[in-house]
Amino acid sequence: MMLSRAEALSILDKWRMESSPVSGSLTLSGVTVFFSGFITAVTPNMLKIAQSAGPQEPIELHLEIIIPLNLAEGYEYRDAREAPAETRSEVAKRVVSQLVIQLQHFGTCAIFERTI
């Protein structure tokens, strides 16, 4: 389902406030970086995801991804319940939902809210 900017920011901030574990990928110009961690900041212009051992652990800055949301052109949300029936139970064991952010110049950031 396509989301407005405000709806997408609300979901990202919810994941931040709930310390939901996330993983995903950022693809720009044919280069893909995979990440896993927790959202540490959400503003109208920026999303920050940092690697961490867990929500109660101090954040180790081995990896920090900063996504410029001012370059976002669209947002799409998918829930695990929308997965095809034959894979739904397997998907739901690992993923709660997904937010795909389409960035200018053919970039994409896919973020998965993982199950705990």
C-alpha atoms as a PDB file:
ATOM      1  CA  MET A   1       0.000   0.000   0.000  1.00  0.00           C
ATOM      2  CA  MET A   2       1.363   3.424  -0.917  1.00  0.00           C
ATOM      3  CA  LEU A   3       1.817   5.813   2.019  1.00  0.00           C
ATOM      4  CA  SER A   4       2.063   9.538   2.420  1.00  0.00           C
ATOM      5  CA  ARG A   5       5.284  11.011   3.797  1.00  0.00           C
ATOM      6  CA  ALA A   6       3.565  11.681   7.140  1.00  0.00           C
ATOM      7  CA  GLU A   7       2.333   8.074   7.387  1.00  0.00           C
ATOM      8  CA  ALA A   8       5.790   6.691   6.595  1.00  0.00           C
ATOM      9  CA  LEU A   9       7.461   8.960   9.173  1.00  0.00           C
ATOM     10  CA  SER A  10       4.878   7.857  11.731  1.00  0.00           C
ATOM     11  CA  ILE A  11       5.682   4.166  11.124  1.00  0.00           C
ATOM     12  CA  LEU A  12       9.434   4.780  11.297  1.00  0.00           C
ATOM     13  CA  ASP A  13       9.061   6.766  14.523  1.00  0.00           C
ATOM     14  CA  LYS A  14       6.858   4.021  15.995  1.00  0.00           C
ATOM     15  CA  TRP A  15       9.591   1.469  15.248  1.00  0.00           C
ATOM     16  CA  ARG A  16      12.125   3.823  16.892  1.00  0.00           C
ATOM     17  CA  MET A  17      10.029   4.385  20.031  1.00  0.00           C
ATOM     18  CA  GLU A  18       9.294   0.656  20.401  1.00  0.00           C
ATOM     19  CA  SER A  19      12.961  -0.275  19.777  1.00  0.00           C
ATOM     20  CA  SER A  20      11.804  -2.661  17.056  1.00  0.00           C
ATOM     21  CA  PRO A  21      14.687  -4.578  15.484  1.00  0.00           C
ATOM     22  CA  VAL A  22      15.023  -3.782  11.785  1.00  0.00           C
ATOM     23  CA  SER A  23      17.052  -5.049   8.882  1.00  0.00           C
ATOM     24  CA  GLY A  24      17.121  -4.134   5.255  1.00  0.00           C
ATOM     25  CA  SER A  25      19.049  -2.879   2.294  1.00  0.00           C
ATOM     26  CA  LEU A  26      20.014   0.413   0.707  1.00  0.00           C
ATOM     27  CA  THR A  27      20.650   0.344  -3.039  1.00  0.00           C
ATOM     28  CA  LEU A  28      22.064   3.306  -4.955  1.00  0.00           C
ATOM     29  CA  SER A  29      23.616   3.256  -8.409  1.00  0.00           C
ATOM     30  CA  GLY A  30      23.881  -0.535  -8.440  1.00  0.00           C
ATOM     31  CA  VAL A  31      25.616  -0.783  -5.043  1.00  0.00           C
ATOM     32  CA  THR A  32      23.688  -2.525  -2.254  1.00  0.00           C
ATOM     33  CA  VAL A  33      24.464  -2.323   1.460  1.00  0.00           C
ATOM     34  CA  PHE A  34      22.675  -4.642   3.897  1.00  0.00           C
ATOM     35  CA  PHE A  35      22.119  -3.576   7.488  1.00  0.00           C
ATOM     36  CA  SER A  36      20.575  -4.721  10.744  1.00  0.00           C
ATOM     37  CA  GLY A  37      20.019  -2.755  13.932  1.00  0.00           C
ATOM     38  CA  PHE A  38      17.656  -0.234  15.475  1.00  0.00           C
ATOM     39  CA  ILE A  39      16.310   3.106  14.324  1.00  0.00           C
ATOM     40  CA  THR A  40      17.945   5.779  16.465  1.00  0.00           C
ATOM     41  CA  ALA A  41      16.585   8.956  14.855  1.00  0.00           C
ATOM     42  CA  VAL A  42      13.741  10.013  12.567  1.00  0.00           C
ATOM     43  CA  THR A  43      13.271  13.554  11.287  1.00  0.00           C
ATOM     44  CA  PRO A  44      11.463  14.853   8.193  1.00  0.00           C
ATOM     45  CA  ASN A  45      14.852  14.952   6.431  1.00  0.00           C
ATOM     46  CA  MET A  46      16.768  11.991   7.856  1.00  0.00           C
ATOM     47  CA  LEU A  47      16.504   8.428   9.124  1.00  0.00           C
ATOM     48  CA  LYS A  48      19.348   6.928  11.152  1.00  0.00           C
ATOM     49  CA  ILE A  49      19.806   3.206  11.767  1.00  0.00           C
ATOM     50  CA  ALA A  50      22.627   1.985  14.015  1.00  0.00           C
ATOM     51  CA  GLN A  51      23.962  -1.496  14.631  1.00  0.00           C
ATOM     52  CA  SER A  52      23.355  -2.712  18.174  1.00  0.00           C
ATOM     53  CA  ALA A  53      23.353  -5.961  20.110  1.00  0.00           C
ATOM     54  CA  GLY A  54      19.842  -5.216  21.410  1.00  0.00           C
ATOM     55  CA  PRO A  55      17.506  -2.415  22.443  1.00  0.00           C
ATOM     56  CA  GLN A  56      18.880  -2.312  26.011  1.00  0.00           C
ATOM     57  CA  GLU A  57      22.528  -2.476  24.945  1.00  0.00           C
ATOM     58  CA  PRO A  58      24.625   0.599  24.189  1.00  0.00           C
ATOM     59  CA  ILE A  59      24.812   1.258  20.480  1.00  0.00           C
ATOM     60  CA  GLU A  60      28.092   0.154  18.975  1.00  0.00           C
ATOM     61  CA  LEU A  61      28.939   2.308  15.999  1.00  0.00           C
ATOM     62  CA  HIS A  62      30.327  -0.481  13.854  1.00  0.00           C
ATOM     63  CA  LEU A  63      27.711   0.492  11.311  1.00  0.00           C
ATOM     64  CA  GLU A  64      25.485   3.516  10.990  1.00  0.00           C
ATOM     65  CA  ILE A  65      23.239   4.178   8.017  1.00  0.00           C
ATOM     66  CA  ILE A  66      21.871   7.681   7.454  1.00  0.00           C
ATOM     67  CA  ILE A  67      19.153   7.882   4.829  1.00  0.00           C
ATOM     68  CA  PRO A  68      18.317  11.332   3.445  1.00  0.00           C
ATOM     69  CA  LEU A  69      14.513  11.361   3.568  1.00  0.00           C
ATOM     70  CA  ASN A  70      14.453  14.704   1.780  1.00  0.00           C
ATOM     71  CA  LEU A  71      15.342  12.624  -1.332  1.00  0.00           C
ATOM     72  CA  ALA A  72      12.379  10.263  -0.848  1.00  0.00           C
ATOM     73  CA  GLU A  73       9.938  10.167  -3.753  1.00  0.00           C
ATOM     74  CA  GLY A  74       7.560   7.516  -2.441  1.00  0.00           C
ATOM     75  CA  TYR A  75       6.805   5.071   0.330  1.00  0.00           C
ATOM     76  CA  GLU A  76       5.246   1.618   0.158  1.00  0.00           C
ATOM     77  CA  TYR A  77       4.185  -0.445   3.164  1.00  0.00           C
ATOM     78  CA  ARG A  78       3.670  -4.211   3.248  1.00  0.00           C
ATOM     79  CA  ASP A  79       2.455  -6.332   6.128  1.00  0.00           C
ATOM     80  CA  ALA A  80       3.473  -9.989   6.604  1.00  0.00           C
ATOM     81  CA  ARG A  81      -0.228 -10.870   6.490  1.00  0.00           C
ATOM     82  CA  GLU A  82      -0.186  -9.796   2.825  1.00  0.00           C
ATOM     83  CA  ALA A  83       2.377 -12.453   1.875  1.00  0.00           C
ATOM     84  CA  PRO A  84       1.167 -15.253  -0.409  1.00  0.00           C
ATOM     85  CA  ALA A  85      -0.710 -17.940   1.537  1.00  0.00           C
ATOM     86  CA  GLU A  86       1.935 -20.600   0.803  1.00  0.00           C
ATOM     87  CA  THR A  87       4.732 -18.526   2.415  1.00  0.00           C
ATOM     88  CA  ARG A  88       2.813 -16.407   4.940  1.00  0.00           C
ATOM     89  CA  SER A  89       3.596 -18.498   8.029  1.00  0.00           C
ATOM     90  CA  GLU A  90       7.336 -18.620   7.247  1.00  0.00           C
ATOM     91  CA  VAL A  91       7.481 -14.887   6.510  1.00  0.00           C
ATOM     92  CA  ALA A  92       5.578 -14.062   9.705  1.00  0.00           C
ATOM     93  CA  LYS A  93       8.190 -15.941  11.789  1.00  0.00           C
ATOM     94  CA  ARG A  94      10.853 -13.424  10.725  1.00  0.00           C
ATOM     95  CA  VAL A  95       9.146 -10.237   9.552  1.00  0.00           C
ATOM     96  CA  VAL A  96       6.262  -8.142  10.858  1.00  0.00           C
ATOM     97  CA  SER A  97       6.196  -5.583   8.070  1.00  0.00           C
ATOM     98  CA  GLN A  98       8.238  -3.781   5.427  1.00  0.00           C
ATOM     99  CA  LEU A  99       8.603  -0.160   4.384  1.00  0.00           C
ATOM    100  CA  VAL A 100      10.167   0.558   0.998  1.00  0.00           C
ATOM    101  CA  ILE A 101      11.443   4.081   0.415  1.00  0.00           C
ATOM    102  CA  GLN A 102      11.978   5.072  -3.204  1.00  0.00           C
ATOM    103  CA  LEU A 103      14.801   7.626  -3.412  1.00  0.00           C
ATOM    104  CA  GLN A 104      15.583  10.045  -6.210  1.00  0.00           C
ATOM    105  CA  HIS A 105      17.876   8.810  -8.982  1.00  0.00           C
ATOM    106  CA  PHE A 106      16.733   5.168  -8.778  1.00  0.00           C
ATOM    107  CA  GLY A 107      17.752   4.465  -5.190  1.00  0.00           C
ATOM    108  CA  THR A 108      15.747   2.206  -2.894  1.00  0.00           C
ATOM    109  CA  CYS A 109      15.808   1.551   0.830  1.00  0.00           C
ATOM    110  CA  ALA A 110      13.867  -1.504   2.052  1.00  0.00           C
ATOM    111  CA  ILE A 111      13.416  -1.744   5.819  1.00  0.00           C
ATOM    112  CA  PHE A 112      11.960  -4.830   7.508  1.00  0.00           C
ATOM    113  CA  GLU A 113      10.526  -4.709  11.004  1.00  0.00           C
ATOM    114  CA  ARG A 114      11.722  -8.047  12.373  1.00  0.00           C
ATOM    115  CA  THR A 115       9.962 -10.248  14.880  1.00  0.00           C
ATOM    116  CA  ILE A 116      11.574 -10.331  18.290  1.00  0.00           C
END
